[in-house]
């Protein structure tokens, strides 16, 4: 955990960032502009 993220706070922020990025990525795959 320390090797990849540094400390607990940085780890939490990385998880939070990835969690929000994942739902936005799912929306980006919907090809809304073409519908």
ModelCIF file with pLDDT and N, C-alpha, C, O atoms, coordinates in Angstrom:
data_MODEL
#
_entry.id   MODEL 
#
_entity.id                         1 
_entity.type                       polymer 
_entity.pdbx_number_of_molecules   1 
#
_entity_poly.entity_id                      1 
_entity_poly.type                           'polypeptide(L)' 
_entity_poly.nstd_linkage                   no 
_entity_poly.nstd_monomer                   no 
_entity_poly.pdbx_seq_one_letter_code       
;(UNK)(UNK)(UNK)(UNK)(UNK)(UNK)(UNK)(UNK)(UNK)(UNK)(UNK)(UNK)(UNK)(UNK)(UNK)(UNK)
(UNK)(UNK)(UNK)(UNK)(UNK)(UNK)(UNK)(UNK)(UNK)(UNK)(UNK)(UNK)(UNK)(UNK)(UNK)(UNK)
(UNK)(UNK)(UNK)
;
_entity_poly.pdbx_seq_one_letter_code_can   XXXXXXXXXXXXXXXXXXXXXXXXXXXXXXXXXXX 
_entity_poly.pdbx_strand_id                 A 
#
loop_
_entity_poly_seq.entity_id 
_entity_poly_seq.num 
_entity_poly_seq.mon_id 
_entity_poly_seq.hetero 
1 1  UNK n 
1 2  UNK n 
1 3  UNK n 
1 4  UNK n 
1 5  UNK n 
1 6  UNK n 
1 7  UNK n 
1 8  UNK n 
1 9  UNK n 
1 10 UNK n 
1 11 UNK n 
1 12 UNK n 
1 13 UNK n 
1 14 UNK n 
1 15 UNK n 
1 16 UNK n 
1 17 UNK n 
1 18 UNK n 
1 19 UNK n 
1 20 UNK n 
1 21 UNK n 
1 22 UNK n 
1 23 UNK n 
1 24 UNK n 
1 25 UNK n 
1 26 UNK n 
1 27 UNK n 
1 28 UNK n 
1 29 UNK n 
1 30 UNK n 
1 31 UNK n 
1 32 UNK n 
1 33 UNK n 
1 34 UNK n 
1 35 UNK n 
#
_struct_asym.id          A 
_struct_asym.entity_id   1 
#
loop_
_ma_qa_metric.id 
_ma_qa_metric.mode 
_ma_qa_metric.name 
_ma_qa_metric.software_group_id 
_ma_qa_metric.type 
1 global pLDDT . pLDDT 
2 local  pLDDT . pLDDT 
#
_ma_qa_metric_global.metric_id      1 
_ma_qa_metric_global.metric_value   96.80 
_ma_qa_metric_global.model_id       1 
_ma_qa_metric_global.ordinal_id     1 
#
loop_
_ma_qa_metric_local.label_asym_id 
_ma_qa_metric_local.label_comp_id 
_ma_qa_metric_local.label_seq_id 
_ma_qa_metric_local.metric_id 
_ma_qa_metric_local.metric_value 
_ma_qa_metric_local.model_id 
_ma_qa_metric_local.ordinal_id 
A UNK 1  2 97.00 1 1  
A UNK 2  2 96.00 1 2  
A UNK 3  2 96.00 1 3  
A UNK 4  2 96.00 1 4  
A UNK 5  2 97.00 1 5  
A UNK 6  2 96.00 1 6  
A UNK 7  2 96.00 1 7  
A UNK 8  2 97.00 1 8  
A UNK 9  2 96.00 1 9  
A UNK 10 2 97.00 1 10 
A UNK 11 2 98.00 1 11 
A UNK 12 2 97.00 1 12 
A UNK 13 2 96.00 1 13 
A UNK 14 2 97.00 1 14 
A UNK 15 2 98.00 1 15 
A UNK 16 2 97.00 1 16 
A UNK 17 2 97.00 1 17 
A UNK 18 2 97.00 1 18 
A UNK 19 2 97.00 1 19 
A UNK 20 2 97.00 1 20 
A UNK 21 2 97.00 1 21 
A UNK 22 2 97.00 1 22 
A UNK 23 2 98.00 1 23 
A UNK 24 2 97.00 1 24 
A UNK 25 2 97.00 1 25 
A UNK 26 2 97.00 1 26 
A UNK 27 2 97.00 1 27 
A UNK 28 2 96.00 1 28 
A UNK 29 2 97.00 1 29 
A UNK 30 2 97.00 1 30 
A UNK 31 2 95.00 1 31 
A UNK 32 2 97.00 1 32 
A UNK 33 2 96.00 1 33 
A UNK 34 2 97.00 1 34 
A UNK 35 2 98.00 1 35 
#
loop_
_atom_site.group_PDB 
_atom_site.id 
_atom_site.type_symbol 
_atom_site.label_atom_id 
_atom_site.label_alt_id 
_atom_site.label_comp_id 
_atom_site.label_asym_id 
_atom_site.label_entity_id 
_atom_site.label_seq_id 
_atom_site.pdbx_PDB_ins_code 
_atom_site.Cartn_x 
_atom_site.Cartn_y 
_atom_site.Cartn_z 
_atom_site.occupancy 
_atom_site.B_iso_or_equiv 
_atom_site.pdbx_formal_charge 
_atom_site.auth_seq_id 
_atom_site.auth_comp_id 
_atom_site.auth_asym_id 
_atom_site.auth_atom_id 
_atom_site.pdbx_PDB_model_num 
ATOM 1   N N  . UNK A 1 1  ? 0.846   -1.194 0.000   1.00 97.00 ? 1  UNK A N  1 
ATOM 2   C CA . UNK A 1 1  ? 0.000   0.000  0.000   1.00 97.00 ? 1  UNK A CA 1 
ATOM 3   C C  . UNK A 1 1  ? 0.880   1.242  0.000   1.00 97.00 ? 1  UNK A C  1 
ATOM 4   O O  . UNK A 1 1  ? 0.632   2.185  -0.752  1.00 97.00 ? 1  UNK A O  1 
ATOM 5   N N  . UNK A 1 2  ? 1.903   1.243  0.841   1.00 96.00 ? 2  UNK A N  1 
ATOM 6   C CA . UNK A 1 2  ? 2.823   2.383  0.895   1.00 96.00 ? 2  UNK A CA 1 
ATOM 7   C C  . UNK A 1 2  ? 3.624   2.499  -0.401  1.00 96.00 ? 2  UNK A C  1 
ATOM 8   O O  . UNK A 1 2  ? 3.915   3.602  -0.864  1.00 96.00 ? 2  UNK A O  1 
ATOM 9   N N  . UNK A 1 3  ? 3.978   1.348  -0.980  1.00 96.00 ? 3  UNK A N  1 
ATOM 10  C CA . UNK A 1 3  ? 4.766   1.376  -2.210  1.00 96.00 ? 3  UNK A CA 1 
ATOM 11  C C  . UNK A 1 3  ? 3.993   2.056  -3.335  1.00 96.00 ? 3  UNK A C  1 
ATOM 12  O O  . UNK A 1 3  ? 4.545   2.893  -4.049  1.00 96.00 ? 3  UNK A O  1 
ATOM 13  N N  . UNK A 1 4  ? 2.713   1.701  -3.497  1.00 96.00 ? 4  UNK A N  1 
ATOM 14  C CA . UNK A 1 4  ? 1.938   2.218  -4.618  1.00 96.00 ? 4  UNK A CA 1 
ATOM 15  C C  . UNK A 1 4  ? 1.293   3.571  -4.343  1.00 96.00 ? 4  UNK A C  1 
ATOM 16  O O  . UNK A 1 4  ? 1.095   4.354  -5.272  1.00 96.00 ? 4  UNK A O  1 
ATOM 17  N N  . UNK A 1 5  ? 0.963   3.860  -3.096  1.00 97.00 ? 5  UNK A N  1 
ATOM 18  C CA . UNK A 1 5  ? 0.153   5.039  -2.819  1.00 97.00 ? 5  UNK A CA 1 
ATOM 19  C C  . UNK A 1 5  ? 0.787   6.038  -1.848  1.00 97.00 ? 5  UNK A C  1 
ATOM 20  O O  . UNK A 1 5  ? 0.351   7.188  -1.782  1.00 97.00 ? 5  UNK A O  1 
ATOM 21  N N  . UNK A 1 6  ? 1.778   5.633  -1.117  1.00 96.00 ? 6  UNK A N  1 
ATOM 22  C CA . UNK A 1 6  ? 2.460   6.566  -0.219  1.00 96.00 ? 6  UNK A CA 1 
ATOM 23  C C  . UNK A 1 6  ? 1.952   6.498  1.208   1.00 96.00 ? 6  UNK A C  1 
ATOM 24  O O  . UNK A 1 6  ? 2.710   6.159  2.116   1.00 96.00 ? 6  UNK A O  1 
ATOM 25  N N  . UNK A 1 7  ? 0.675   6.815  1.422   1.00 96.00 ? 7  UNK A N  1 
ATOM 26  C CA . UNK A 1 7  ? 0.087   6.738  2.754   1.00 96.00 ? 7  UNK A CA 1 
ATOM 27  C C  . UNK A 1 7  ? -1.415  6.511  2.629   1.00 96.00 ? 7  UNK A C  1 
ATOM 28  O O  . UNK A 1 7  ? -1.955  6.428  1.526   1.00 96.00 ? 7  UNK A O  1 
ATOM 29  N N  . UNK A 1 8  ? -2.068  6.414  3.760   1.00 97.00 ? 8  UNK A N  1 
ATOM 30  C CA . UNK A 1 8  ? -3.500  6.080  3.781   1.00 97.00 ? 8  UNK A CA 1 
ATOM 31  C C  . UNK A 1 8  ? -4.338  7.147  3.084   1.00 97.00 ? 8  UNK A C  1 
ATOM 32  O O  . UNK A 1 8  ? -5.263  6.819  2.340   1.00 97.00 ? 8  UNK A O  1 
ATOM 33  N N  . UNK A 1 9  ? -4.028  8.406  3.315   1.00 96.00 ? 9  UNK A N  1 
ATOM 34  C CA . UNK A 1 9  ? -4.808  9.480  2.702   1.00 96.00 ? 9  UNK A CA 1 
ATOM 35  C C  . UNK A 1 9  ? -4.674  9.462  1.178   1.00 96.00 ? 9  UNK A C  1 
ATOM 36  O O  . UNK A 1 9  ? -5.668  9.580  0.461   1.00 96.00 ? 9  UNK A O  1 
ATOM 37  N N  . UNK A 1 10 ? -3.457  9.316  0.698   1.00 97.00 ? 10 UNK A N  1 
ATOM 38  C CA . UNK A 1 10 ? -3.243  9.257  -0.754  1.00 97.00 ? 10 UNK A CA 1 
ATOM 39  C C  . UNK A 1 10 ? -3.940  8.036  -1.349  1.00 97.00 ? 10 UNK A C  1 
ATOM 40  O O  . UNK A 1 10 ? -4.447  8.093  -2.470  1.00 97.00 ? 10 UNK A O  1 
ATOM 41  N N  . UNK A 1 11 ? -3.965  6.940  -0.608  1.00 98.00 ? 11 UNK A N  1 
ATOM 42  C CA . UNK A 1 11 ? -4.647  5.730  -1.055  1.00 98.00 ? 11 UNK A CA 1 
ATOM 43  C C  . UNK A 1 11 ? -6.148  5.988  -1.182  1.00 98.00 ? 11 UNK A C  1 
ATOM 44  O O  . UNK A 1 11 ? -6.756  5.632  -2.191  1.00 98.00 ? 11 UNK A O  1 
ATOM 45  N N  . UNK A 1 12 ? -6.739  6.597  -0.175  1.00 97.00 ? 12 UNK A N  1 
ATOM 46  C CA . UNK A 1 12 ? -8.176  6.901  -0.210  1.00 97.00 ? 12 UNK A CA 1 
ATOM 47  C C  . UNK A 1 12 ? -8.503  7.811  -1.396  1.00 97.00 ? 12 UNK A C  1 
ATOM 48  O O  . UNK A 1 12 ? -9.487  7.589  -2.102  1.00 97.00 ? 12 UNK A O  1 
ATOM 49  N N  . UNK A 1 13 ? -7.684  8.826  -1.607  1.00 96.00 ? 13 UNK A N  1 
ATOM 50  C CA . UNK A 1 13 ? -7.928  9.757  -2.709  1.00 96.00 ? 13 UNK A CA 1 
ATOM 51  C C  . UNK A 1 13 ? -7.826  9.033  -4.051  1.00 96.00 ? 13 UNK A C  1 
ATOM 52  O O  . UNK A 1 13 ? -8.603  9.308  -4.966  1.00 96.00 ? 13 UNK A O  1 
ATOM 53  N N  . UNK A 1 14 ? -6.871  8.110  -4.170  1.00 97.00 ? 14 UNK A N  1 
ATOM 54  C CA . UNK A 1 14 ? -6.741  7.331  -5.407  1.00 97.00 ? 14 UNK A CA 1 
ATOM 55  C C  . UNK A 1 14 ? -7.976  6.468  -5.637  1.00 97.00 ? 14 UNK A C  1 
ATOM 56  O O  . UNK A 1 14 ? -8.451  6.356  -6.767  1.00 97.00 ? 14 UNK A O  1 
ATOM 57  N N  . UNK A 1 15 ? -8.497  5.859  -4.577  1.00 98.00 ? 15 UNK A N  1 
ATOM 58  C CA . UNK A 1 15 ? -9.709  5.039  -4.686  1.00 98.00 ? 15 UNK A CA 1 
ATOM 59  C C  . UNK A 1 15 ? -10.896 5.907  -5.071  1.00 98.00 ? 15 UNK A C  1 
ATOM 60  O O  . UNK A 1 15 ? -11.685 5.530  -5.937  1.00 98.00 ? 15 UNK A O  1 
ATOM 61  N N  . UNK A 1 16 ? -11.028 7.056  -4.441  1.00 97.00 ? 16 UNK A N  1 
ATOM 62  C CA . UNK A 1 16 ? -12.130 7.974  -4.735  1.00 97.00 ? 16 UNK A CA 1 
ATOM 63  C C  . UNK A 1 16 ? -12.071 8.436  -6.193  1.00 97.00 ? 16 UNK A C  1 
ATOM 64  O O  . UNK A 1 16 ? -13.087 8.470  -6.887  1.00 97.00 ? 16 UNK A O  1 
ATOM 65  N N  . UNK A 1 17 ? -10.884 8.785  -6.636  1.00 97.00 ? 17 UNK A N  1 
ATOM 66  C CA . UNK A 1 17 ? -10.684 9.232  -8.016  1.00 97.00 ? 17 UNK A CA 1 
ATOM 67  C C  . UNK A 1 17 ? -11.059 8.137  -9.007  1.00 97.00 ? 17 UNK A C  1 
ATOM 68  O O  . UNK A 1 17 ? -11.763 8.388  -9.985  1.00 97.00 ? 17 UNK A O  1 
ATOM 69  N N  . UNK A 1 18 ? -10.587 6.931  -8.750  1.00 97.00 ? 18 UNK A N  1 
ATOM 70  C CA . UNK A 1 18 ? -10.859 5.812  -9.649  1.00 97.00 ? 18 UNK A CA 1 
ATOM 71  C C  . UNK A 1 18 ? -12.350 5.458  -9.650  1.00 97.00 ? 18 UNK A C  1 
ATOM 72  O O  . UNK A 1 18 ? -12.902 5.114  -10.695 1.00 97.00 ? 18 UNK A O  1 
ATOM 73  N N  . UNK A 1 19 ? -12.998 5.541  -8.497  1.00 97.00 ? 19 UNK A N  1 
ATOM 74  C CA . UNK A 1 19 ? -14.421 5.205  -8.408  1.00 97.00 ? 19 UNK A CA 1 
ATOM 75  C C  . UNK A 1 19 ? -15.262 6.153  -9.256  1.00 97.00 ? 19 UNK A C  1 
ATOM 76  O O  . UNK A 1 19 ? -16.155 5.717  -9.982  1.00 97.00 ? 19 UNK A O  1 
ATOM 77  N N  . UNK A 1 20 ? -14.978 7.438  -9.166  1.00 97.00 ? 20 UNK A N  1 
ATOM 78  C CA . UNK A 1 20 ? -15.709 8.410  -9.976  1.00 97.00 ? 20 UNK A CA 1 
ATOM 79  C C  . UNK A 1 20 ? -15.326 8.303  -11.449 1.00 97.00 ? 20 UNK A C  1 
ATOM 80  O O  . UNK A 1 20 ? -16.176 8.460  -12.326 1.00 97.00 ? 20 UNK A O  1 
ATOM 81  N N  . UNK A 1 21 ? -14.062 8.038  -11.720 1.00 97.00 ? 21 UNK A N  1 
ATOM 82  C CA . UNK A 1 21 ? -13.626 7.898  -13.109 1.00 97.00 ? 21 UNK A CA 1 
ATOM 83  C C  . UNK A 1 21 ? -14.313 6.722  -13.780 1.00 97.00 ? 21 UNK A C  1 
ATOM 84  O O  . UNK A 1 21 ? -14.615 6.775  -14.972 1.00 97.00 ? 21 UNK A O  1 
ATOM 85  N N  . UNK A 1 22 ? -14.563 5.654  -13.018 1.00 97.00 ? 22 UNK A N  1 
ATOM 86  C CA . UNK A 1 22 ? -15.158 4.442  -13.598 1.00 97.00 ? 22 UNK A CA 1 
ATOM 87  C C  . UNK A 1 22 ? -16.589 4.691  -14.061 1.00 97.00 ? 22 UNK A C  1 
ATOM 88  O O  . UNK A 1 22 ? -16.970 4.230  -15.137 1.00 97.00 ? 22 UNK A O  1 
ATOM 89  N N  . UNK A 1 23 ? -17.386 5.406  -13.277 1.00 98.00 ? 23 UNK A N  1 
ATOM 90  C CA . UNK A 1 23 ? -18.763 5.650  -13.720 1.00 98.00 ? 23 UNK A CA 1 
ATOM 91  C C  . UNK A 1 23 ? -18.786 6.618  -14.899 1.00 98.00 ? 23 UNK A C  1 
ATOM 92  O O  . UNK A 1 23 ? -19.625 6.492  -15.791 1.00 98.00 ? 23 UNK A O  1 
ATOM 93  N N  . UNK A 1 24 ? -17.875 7.573  -14.906 1.00 97.00 ? 24 UNK A N  1 
ATOM 94  C CA . UNK A 1 24 ? -17.804 8.481  -16.050 1.00 97.00 ? 24 UNK A CA 1 
ATOM 95  C C  . UNK A 1 24 ? -17.348 7.726  -17.298 1.00 97.00 ? 24 UNK A C  1 
ATOM 96  O O  . UNK A 1 24 ? -17.802 8.026  -18.402 1.00 97.00 ? 24 UNK A O  1 
ATOM 97  N N  . UNK A 1 25 ? -16.458 6.752  -17.131 1.00 97.00 ? 25 UNK A N  1 
ATOM 98  C CA . UNK A 1 25 ? -16.011 5.940  -18.262 1.00 97.00 ? 25 UNK A CA 1 
ATOM 99  C C  . UNK A 1 25 ? -17.166 5.123  -18.825 1.00 97.00 ? 25 UNK A C  1 
ATOM 100 O O  . UNK A 1 25 ? -17.281 4.963  -20.040 1.00 97.00 ? 25 UNK A O  1 
ATOM 101 N N  . UNK A 1 26 ? -18.018 4.607  -17.948 1.00 97.00 ? 26 UNK A N  1 
ATOM 102 C CA . UNK A 1 26 ? -19.173 3.835  -18.425 1.00 97.00 ? 26 UNK A CA 1 
ATOM 103 C C  . UNK A 1 26 ? -20.107 4.716  -19.245 1.00 97.00 ? 26 UNK A C  1 
ATOM 104 O O  . UNK A 1 26 ? -20.724 4.243  -20.199 1.00 97.00 ? 26 UNK A O  1 
ATOM 105 N N  . UNK A 1 27 ? -20.217 5.992  -18.884 1.00 97.00 ? 27 UNK A N  1 
ATOM 106 C CA . UNK A 1 27 ? -21.066 6.922  -19.629 1.00 97.00 ? 27 UNK A CA 1 
ATOM 107 C C  . UNK A 1 27 ? -20.440 7.298  -20.962 1.00 97.00 ? 27 UNK A C  1 
ATOM 108 O O  . UNK A 1 27 ? -21.142 7.491  -21.955 1.00 97.00 ? 27 UNK A O  1 
ATOM 109 N N  . UNK A 1 28 ? -19.118 7.401  -20.980 1.00 96.00 ? 28 UNK A N  1 
ATOM 110 C CA . UNK A 1 28 ? -18.426 7.766  -22.218 1.00 96.00 ? 28 UNK A CA 1 
ATOM 111 C C  . UNK A 1 28 ? -18.610 6.691  -23.289 1.00 96.00 ? 28 UNK A C  1 
ATOM 112 O O  . UNK A 1 28 ? -18.519 6.986  -24.480 1.00 96.00 ? 28 UNK A O  1 
ATOM 113 N N  . UNK A 1 29 ? -18.866 5.457  -22.879 1.00 97.00 ? 29 UNK A N  1 
ATOM 114 C CA . UNK A 1 29 ? -19.040 4.349  -23.819 1.00 97.00 ? 29 UNK A CA 1 
ATOM 115 C C  . UNK A 1 29 ? -20.457 4.273  -24.395 1.00 97.00 ? 29 UNK A C  1 
ATOM 116 O O  . UNK A 1 29 ? -20.731 3.417  -25.237 1.00 97.00 ? 29 UNK A O  1 
ATOM 117 N N  . UNK A 1 30 ? -21.357 5.152  -23.955 1.00 97.00 ? 30 UNK A N  1 
ATOM 118 C CA . UNK A 1 30 ? -22.748 5.086  -24.410 1.00 97.00 ? 30 UNK A CA 1 
ATOM 119 C C  . UNK A 1 30 ? -22.953 5.696  -25.792 1.00 97.00 ? 30 UNK A C  1 
ATOM 120 O O  . UNK A 1 30 ? -23.992 5.484  -26.417 1.00 97.00 ? 30 UNK A O  1 
ATOM 121 N N  . UNK A 1 31 ? -21.962 6.456  -26.274 1.00 95.00 ? 31 UNK A N  1 
ATOM 122 C CA . UNK A 1 31 ? -22.046 7.076  -27.603 1.00 95.00 ? 31 UNK A CA 1 
ATOM 123 C C  . UNK A 1 31 ? -23.290 7.947  -27.723 1.00 95.00 ? 31 UNK A C  1 
ATOM 124 O O  . UNK A 1 31 ? -24.039 7.845  -28.695 1.00 95.00 ? 31 UNK A O  1 
ATOM 125 N N  . UNK A 1 32 ? -23.504 8.804  -26.727 1.00 97.00 ? 32 UNK A N  1 
ATOM 126 C CA . UNK A 1 32 ? -24.714 9.618  -26.673 1.00 97.00 ? 32 UNK A CA 1 
ATOM 127 C C  . UNK A 1 32 ? -24.833 10.580 -27.848 1.00 97.00 ? 32 UNK A C  1 
ATOM 128 O O  . UNK A 1 32 ? -25.938 10.871 -28.305 1.00 97.00 ? 32 UNK A O  1 
ATOM 129 N N  . UNK A 1 33 ? -23.709 11.072 -28.334 1.00 96.00 ? 33 UNK A N  1 
ATOM 130 C CA . UNK A 1 33 ? -23.745 12.048 -29.428 1.00 96.00 ? 33 UNK A CA 1 
ATOM 131 C C  . UNK A 1 33 ? -24.310 11.453 -30.721 1.00 96.00 ? 33 UNK A C  1 
ATOM 132 O O  . UNK A 1 33 ? -24.770 12.185 -31.597 1.00 96.00 ? 33 UNK A O  1 
ATOM 133 N N  . UNK A 1 34 ? -24.272 10.139 -30.834 1.00 97.00 ? 34 UNK A N  1 
ATOM 134 C CA . UNK A 1 34 ? -24.738 9.500  -32.070 1.00 97.00 ? 34 UNK A CA 1 
ATOM 135 C C  . UNK A 1 34 ? -26.225 9.147  -32.026 1.00 97.00 ? 34 UNK A C  1 
ATOM 136 O O  . UNK A 1 34 ? -26.778 8.678  -33.021 1.00 97.00 ? 34 UNK A O  1 
ATOM 137 N N  . UNK A 1 35 ? -26.873 9.368  -30.883 1.00 98.00 ? 35 UNK A N  1 
ATOM 138 C CA . UNK A 1 35 ? -28.269 8.981  -30.717 1.00 98.00 ? 35 UNK A CA 1 
ATOM 139 C C  . UNK A 1 35 ? -29.192 10.194 -30.763 1.00 98.00 ? 35 UNK A C  1 
ATOM 140 O O  . UNK A 1 35 ? -30.408 10.049 -30.639 1.00 98.00 ? 35 UNK A O  1 
#
